[in-house]
């Protein structure tokens, strides 16, 4: 049996891990979506046999712009951080501008 103190400590640890995971999800999602978008750009010298690049933009509503509401948590991930699409576009542009054959 666990004491309430132990259960609350476990909750705090799990919550901290969850908050870190949400941050990593956003970072990885933006990075992958930006790379995919850059590779799909005709100014990037990707071999024709590697096109089309499958990507989040292929989803019915395009890439996410925020953490889905179902993944928020009132204490550990309370906010839907918006602006993912703008971050994706900015990073994709940076990648496109530095791409070489």
N, C-alpha and C. Protein backbone atom coordinates (compact mmCIF):
# COMPACT_ATOMS: atom_id res chain seq x y z
N UNK A 1 0.83 -1.18 0.00
CA UNK A 1 0.00 0.00 0.00
C UNK A 1 0.87 1.25 0.00
N UNK A 2 0.43 2.23 -0.72
CA UNK A 2 1.16 3.49 -0.78
C UNK A 2 0.44 4.53 0.08
N UNK A 3 1.23 5.36 0.70
CA UNK A 3 0.65 6.45 1.48
C UNK A 3 0.22 7.57 0.54
N UNK A 4 -0.63 8.44 1.02
CA UNK A 4 -1.06 9.59 0.23
C UNK A 4 0.16 10.43 -0.16
N UNK A 5 1.10 10.57 0.74
CA UNK A 5 2.32 11.33 0.46
C UNK A 5 3.08 10.72 -0.71
N UNK A 6 3.18 9.40 -0.74
CA UNK A 6 3.86 8.72 -1.84
C UNK A 6 3.10 8.88 -3.16
N UNK A 7 1.80 8.76 -3.08
CA UNK A 7 0.97 8.92 -4.29
C UNK A 7 1.09 10.34 -4.83
N UNK A 8 1.07 11.33 -3.95
CA UNK A 8 1.21 12.72 -4.39
C UNK A 8 2.60 12.98 -4.98
N UNK A 9 3.62 12.37 -4.41
CA UNK A 9 4.96 12.50 -4.96
C UNK A 9 5.04 11.85 -6.34
N UNK A 10 4.41 10.69 -6.50
CA UNK A 10 4.35 10.03 -7.80
C UNK A 10 3.62 10.89 -8.82
N UNK A 11 2.55 11.55 -8.38
CA UNK A 11 1.79 12.43 -9.27
C UNK A 11 2.65 13.60 -9.72
N UNK A 12 3.36 14.20 -8.79
CA UNK A 12 4.22 15.33 -9.12
C UNK A 12 5.31 14.91 -10.11
N UNK A 13 5.88 13.75 -9.90
CA UNK A 13 6.92 13.24 -10.81
C UNK A 13 6.32 12.97 -12.20
N UNK A 14 5.18 12.32 -12.24
CA UNK A 14 4.54 12.03 -13.53
C UNK A 14 4.14 13.33 -14.23
N UNK A 15 3.65 14.29 -13.46
CA UNK A 15 3.27 15.58 -14.04
C UNK A 15 4.45 16.31 -14.63
N UNK A 16 5.57 16.27 -13.93
CA UNK A 16 6.78 16.91 -14.43
C UNK A 16 7.26 16.23 -15.72
N UNK A 17 7.22 14.92 -15.73
CA UNK A 17 7.60 14.17 -16.94
C UNK A 17 6.66 14.50 -18.09
N UNK A 18 5.36 14.63 -17.79
CA UNK A 18 4.38 14.94 -18.82
C UNK A 18 4.63 16.32 -19.40
N UNK A 19 4.88 17.30 -18.55
CA UNK A 19 5.16 18.66 -19.02
C UNK A 19 6.39 18.67 -19.93
N UNK A 20 7.42 17.93 -19.55
CA UNK A 20 8.62 17.83 -20.39
C UNK A 20 8.31 17.15 -21.72
N UNK A 21 7.48 16.12 -21.68
CA UNK A 21 7.12 15.39 -22.90
C UNK A 21 6.32 16.28 -23.85
N UNK A 22 5.45 17.11 -23.31
CA UNK A 22 4.66 18.03 -24.15
C UNK A 22 5.59 19.02 -24.84
N UNK A 23 6.57 19.54 -24.10
CA UNK A 23 7.54 20.46 -24.70
C UNK A 23 8.33 19.75 -25.81
N UNK A 24 8.76 18.54 -25.56
CA UNK A 24 9.52 17.78 -26.56
C UNK A 24 8.65 17.44 -27.77
N UNK A 25 7.37 17.11 -27.53
CA UNK A 25 6.46 16.84 -28.64
C UNK A 25 6.36 18.05 -29.55
N UNK A 26 6.16 19.22 -28.97
CA UNK A 26 6.06 20.43 -29.79
C UNK A 26 7.35 20.67 -30.56
N UNK A 27 8.47 20.56 -29.90
CA UNK A 27 9.76 20.80 -30.55
C UNK A 27 10.00 19.82 -31.70
N UNK A 28 9.77 18.54 -31.46
CA UNK A 28 9.98 17.54 -32.48
C UNK A 28 8.97 17.68 -33.63
N UNK A 29 7.73 17.98 -33.30
CA UNK A 29 6.69 18.15 -34.32
C UNK A 29 7.05 19.30 -35.25
N UNK A 30 7.41 20.44 -34.67
CA UNK A 30 7.77 21.60 -35.49
C UNK A 30 8.99 21.29 -36.34
N UNK A 31 9.99 20.65 -35.76
CA UNK A 31 11.20 20.33 -36.51
C UNK A 31 10.90 19.39 -37.68
N UNK A 32 10.17 18.32 -37.43
CA UNK A 32 9.86 17.36 -38.48
C UNK A 32 8.98 17.98 -39.56
N UNK A 33 7.97 18.73 -39.15
CA UNK A 33 7.08 19.37 -40.13
C UNK A 33 7.85 20.37 -40.99
N UNK A 34 8.78 21.10 -40.39
CA UNK A 34 9.58 22.07 -41.15
C UNK A 34 10.50 21.37 -42.15
N UNK A 35 11.14 20.29 -41.73
CA UNK A 35 12.00 19.54 -42.63
C UNK A 35 11.18 18.96 -43.78
N UNK A 36 10.03 18.38 -43.47
CA UNK A 36 9.17 17.84 -44.52
C UNK A 36 8.73 18.93 -45.50
N UNK A 37 8.35 20.09 -44.97
CA UNK A 37 7.91 21.20 -45.83
C UNK A 37 9.06 21.67 -46.71
N UNK A 38 10.25 21.76 -46.14
CA UNK A 38 11.41 22.19 -46.93
C UNK A 38 11.70 21.19 -48.04
N UNK A 39 11.67 19.91 -47.71
CA UNK A 39 11.95 18.88 -48.72
C UNK A 39 10.89 18.86 -49.82
N UNK A 40 9.70 19.35 -49.52
CA UNK A 40 8.63 19.39 -50.51
C UNK A 40 8.71 20.62 -51.40
N UNK A 41 9.56 21.57 -51.03
CA UNK A 41 9.71 22.79 -51.79
C UNK A 41 10.54 22.53 -53.05
N UNK A 42 10.09 23.04 -54.18
CA UNK A 42 10.79 22.78 -55.44
C UNK A 42 12.17 23.44 -55.49
N UNK A 43 12.46 24.36 -54.60
CA UNK A 43 13.79 24.99 -54.57
C UNK A 43 14.82 24.14 -53.84
N UNK A 44 14.37 23.06 -53.23
CA UNK A 44 15.29 22.14 -52.54
C UNK A 44 15.59 21.00 -53.50
N UNK A 45 16.88 20.76 -53.77
CA UNK A 45 17.26 19.76 -54.78
C UNK A 45 17.10 18.31 -54.31
N UNK A 46 15.87 17.92 -54.04
CA UNK A 46 15.59 16.54 -53.63
C UNK A 46 15.38 15.71 -54.90
N UNK A 47 16.02 14.55 -54.99
CA UNK A 47 15.83 13.71 -56.18
C UNK A 47 14.34 13.40 -56.41
N UNK A 48 13.96 13.39 -57.65
CA UNK A 48 12.55 13.20 -58.03
C UNK A 48 11.97 11.91 -57.46
N UNK A 49 12.79 10.86 -57.38
CA UNK A 49 12.27 9.58 -56.88
C UNK A 49 11.93 9.63 -55.39
N UNK A 50 12.36 10.68 -54.72
CA UNK A 50 12.06 10.82 -53.28
C UNK A 50 10.82 11.67 -53.05
N UNK A 51 10.24 12.19 -54.13
CA UNK A 51 9.02 13.00 -54.01
C UNK A 51 7.82 12.14 -54.33
N UNK A 52 6.65 12.41 -53.81
CA UNK A 52 6.38 13.45 -52.83
C UNK A 52 6.80 13.02 -51.42
N UNK A 53 7.09 13.98 -50.60
CA UNK A 53 7.45 13.72 -49.22
C UNK A 53 6.16 13.63 -48.41
N UNK A 54 5.97 12.52 -47.73
CA UNK A 54 4.77 12.37 -46.88
C UNK A 54 4.98 13.22 -45.64
N UNK A 55 3.93 13.95 -45.27
CA UNK A 55 4.10 14.93 -44.19
C UNK A 55 2.80 15.23 -43.46
N UNK A 56 2.93 15.96 -42.34
CA UNK A 56 1.76 16.37 -41.57
C UNK A 56 0.82 17.23 -42.40
N UNK A 57 1.36 17.98 -43.34
CA UNK A 57 0.52 18.85 -44.18
C UNK A 57 -0.47 18.04 -45.00
N UNK A 58 -0.23 16.74 -45.15
CA UNK A 58 -1.16 15.88 -45.89
C UNK A 58 -2.43 15.59 -45.10
N UNK A 59 -2.42 15.89 -43.80
CA UNK A 59 -3.61 15.65 -42.97
C UNK A 59 -4.74 16.55 -43.45
N UNK A 60 -5.99 16.16 -43.20
CA UNK A 60 -7.13 16.93 -43.71
C UNK A 60 -7.09 18.42 -43.37
N UNK A 61 -6.61 18.76 -42.19
CA UNK A 61 -6.56 20.17 -41.78
C UNK A 61 -5.14 20.73 -41.80
N UNK A 62 -4.22 20.03 -42.44
CA UNK A 62 -2.84 20.48 -42.47
C UNK A 62 -2.16 20.22 -41.14
N UNK A 63 -0.98 20.80 -40.95
CA UNK A 63 -0.26 20.56 -39.69
C UNK A 63 -0.97 21.23 -38.52
N UNK A 64 -0.76 20.70 -37.35
CA UNK A 64 -1.33 21.29 -36.14
C UNK A 64 -0.78 22.68 -35.92
N UNK A 65 -1.59 23.53 -35.29
CA UNK A 65 -1.12 24.86 -34.92
C UNK A 65 -0.97 24.99 -33.41
N UNK A 66 -1.38 23.95 -32.69
CA UNK A 66 -1.33 24.00 -31.23
C UNK A 66 -1.42 22.59 -30.67
N UNK A 67 -1.07 22.47 -29.42
CA UNK A 67 -1.26 21.21 -28.71
C UNK A 67 -2.76 20.91 -28.68
N UNK A 68 -3.18 19.73 -29.11
CA UNK A 68 -4.60 19.41 -29.07
C UNK A 68 -5.17 19.54 -27.65
N UNK A 69 -6.37 20.04 -27.56
CA UNK A 69 -7.00 20.28 -26.25
C UNK A 69 -7.04 19.01 -25.41
N UNK A 70 -7.22 17.86 -26.04
CA UNK A 70 -7.29 16.61 -25.30
C UNK A 70 -5.98 16.27 -24.60
N UNK A 71 -4.89 16.89 -25.01
CA UNK A 71 -3.60 16.61 -24.40
C UNK A 71 -3.20 17.63 -23.33
N UNK A 72 -4.01 18.65 -23.15
CA UNK A 72 -3.71 19.60 -22.08
C UNK A 72 -4.07 18.97 -20.74
N UNK A 73 -3.42 19.47 -19.69
CA UNK A 73 -3.70 19.03 -18.33
C UNK A 73 -3.82 20.29 -17.49
N UNK A 74 -4.84 20.40 -16.65
CA UNK A 74 -5.07 21.65 -15.94
C UNK A 74 -3.91 22.12 -15.06
N UNK A 75 -3.06 21.23 -14.64
CA UNK A 75 -1.94 21.61 -13.79
C UNK A 75 -0.59 21.52 -14.50
N UNK A 76 -0.37 20.47 -15.25
CA UNK A 76 0.96 20.21 -15.78
C UNK A 76 1.17 20.64 -17.24
N UNK A 77 0.11 20.82 -17.98
CA UNK A 77 0.19 21.32 -19.36
C UNK A 77 -1.11 22.08 -19.64
N UNK A 78 -1.30 23.20 -18.93
CA UNK A 78 -2.61 23.86 -18.97
C UNK A 78 -2.91 24.68 -20.22
N UNK A 79 -1.90 24.97 -21.02
CA UNK A 79 -2.13 25.87 -22.13
C UNK A 79 -1.92 25.19 -23.46
N UNK A 80 -2.77 25.56 -24.41
CA UNK A 80 -2.57 25.12 -25.78
C UNK A 80 -1.65 26.15 -26.41
N UNK A 81 -0.41 25.81 -26.61
CA UNK A 81 0.56 26.75 -27.17
C UNK A 81 0.33 26.88 -28.66
N UNK A 82 -0.16 28.02 -29.09
CA UNK A 82 -0.47 28.26 -30.49
C UNK A 82 0.76 28.76 -31.24
N UNK A 83 0.68 28.76 -32.53
CA UNK A 83 1.74 29.31 -33.36
C UNK A 83 2.67 28.27 -33.95
N UNK A 84 2.29 27.01 -33.86
CA UNK A 84 3.15 25.95 -34.40
C UNK A 84 3.34 26.14 -35.90
N UNK A 85 2.28 26.50 -36.62
CA UNK A 85 2.40 26.64 -38.08
C UNK A 85 3.36 27.76 -38.45
N UNK A 86 3.33 28.87 -37.71
CA UNK A 86 4.27 29.96 -37.99
C UNK A 86 5.70 29.51 -37.72
N UNK A 87 5.89 28.75 -36.66
CA UNK A 87 7.23 28.23 -36.35
C UNK A 87 7.70 27.27 -37.43
N UNK A 88 6.77 26.43 -37.91
CA UNK A 88 7.09 25.49 -38.99
C UNK A 88 7.51 26.25 -40.24
N UNK A 89 6.75 27.26 -40.61
CA UNK A 89 7.05 28.03 -41.82
C UNK A 89 8.40 28.74 -41.71
N UNK A 90 8.66 29.32 -40.55
CA UNK A 90 9.94 30.03 -40.36
C UNK A 90 11.12 29.07 -40.44
N UNK A 91 11.01 27.93 -39.80
CA UNK A 91 12.10 26.96 -39.83
C UNK A 91 12.25 26.35 -41.22
N UNK A 92 11.14 26.08 -41.91
CA UNK A 92 11.22 25.54 -43.26
C UNK A 92 11.93 26.53 -44.18
N UNK A 93 11.62 27.79 -44.03
CA UNK A 93 12.25 28.82 -44.84
C UNK A 93 13.76 28.86 -44.59
N UNK A 94 14.15 28.73 -43.33
CA UNK A 94 15.57 28.72 -42.98
C UNK A 94 16.26 27.51 -43.64
N UNK A 95 15.61 26.37 -43.59
CA UNK A 95 16.18 25.16 -44.20
C UNK A 95 16.29 25.31 -45.71
N UNK A 96 15.23 25.82 -46.33
CA UNK A 96 15.22 26.02 -47.80
C UNK A 96 16.36 26.95 -48.22
N UNK A 97 16.56 28.00 -47.45
CA UNK A 97 17.60 29.00 -47.80
C UNK A 97 19.01 28.44 -47.64
N UNK A 98 19.20 27.40 -46.89
CA UNK A 98 20.56 26.86 -46.73
C UNK A 98 20.75 25.53 -47.46
N UNK A 99 19.72 25.05 -48.14
CA UNK A 99 19.82 23.77 -48.85
C UNK A 99 20.69 23.90 -50.10
N UNK A 100 21.55 22.90 -50.28
CA UNK A 100 22.39 22.82 -51.48
C UNK A 100 22.31 21.40 -52.03
N UNK A 101 22.75 21.24 -53.24
CA UNK A 101 22.72 19.89 -53.86
C UNK A 101 23.74 18.98 -53.23
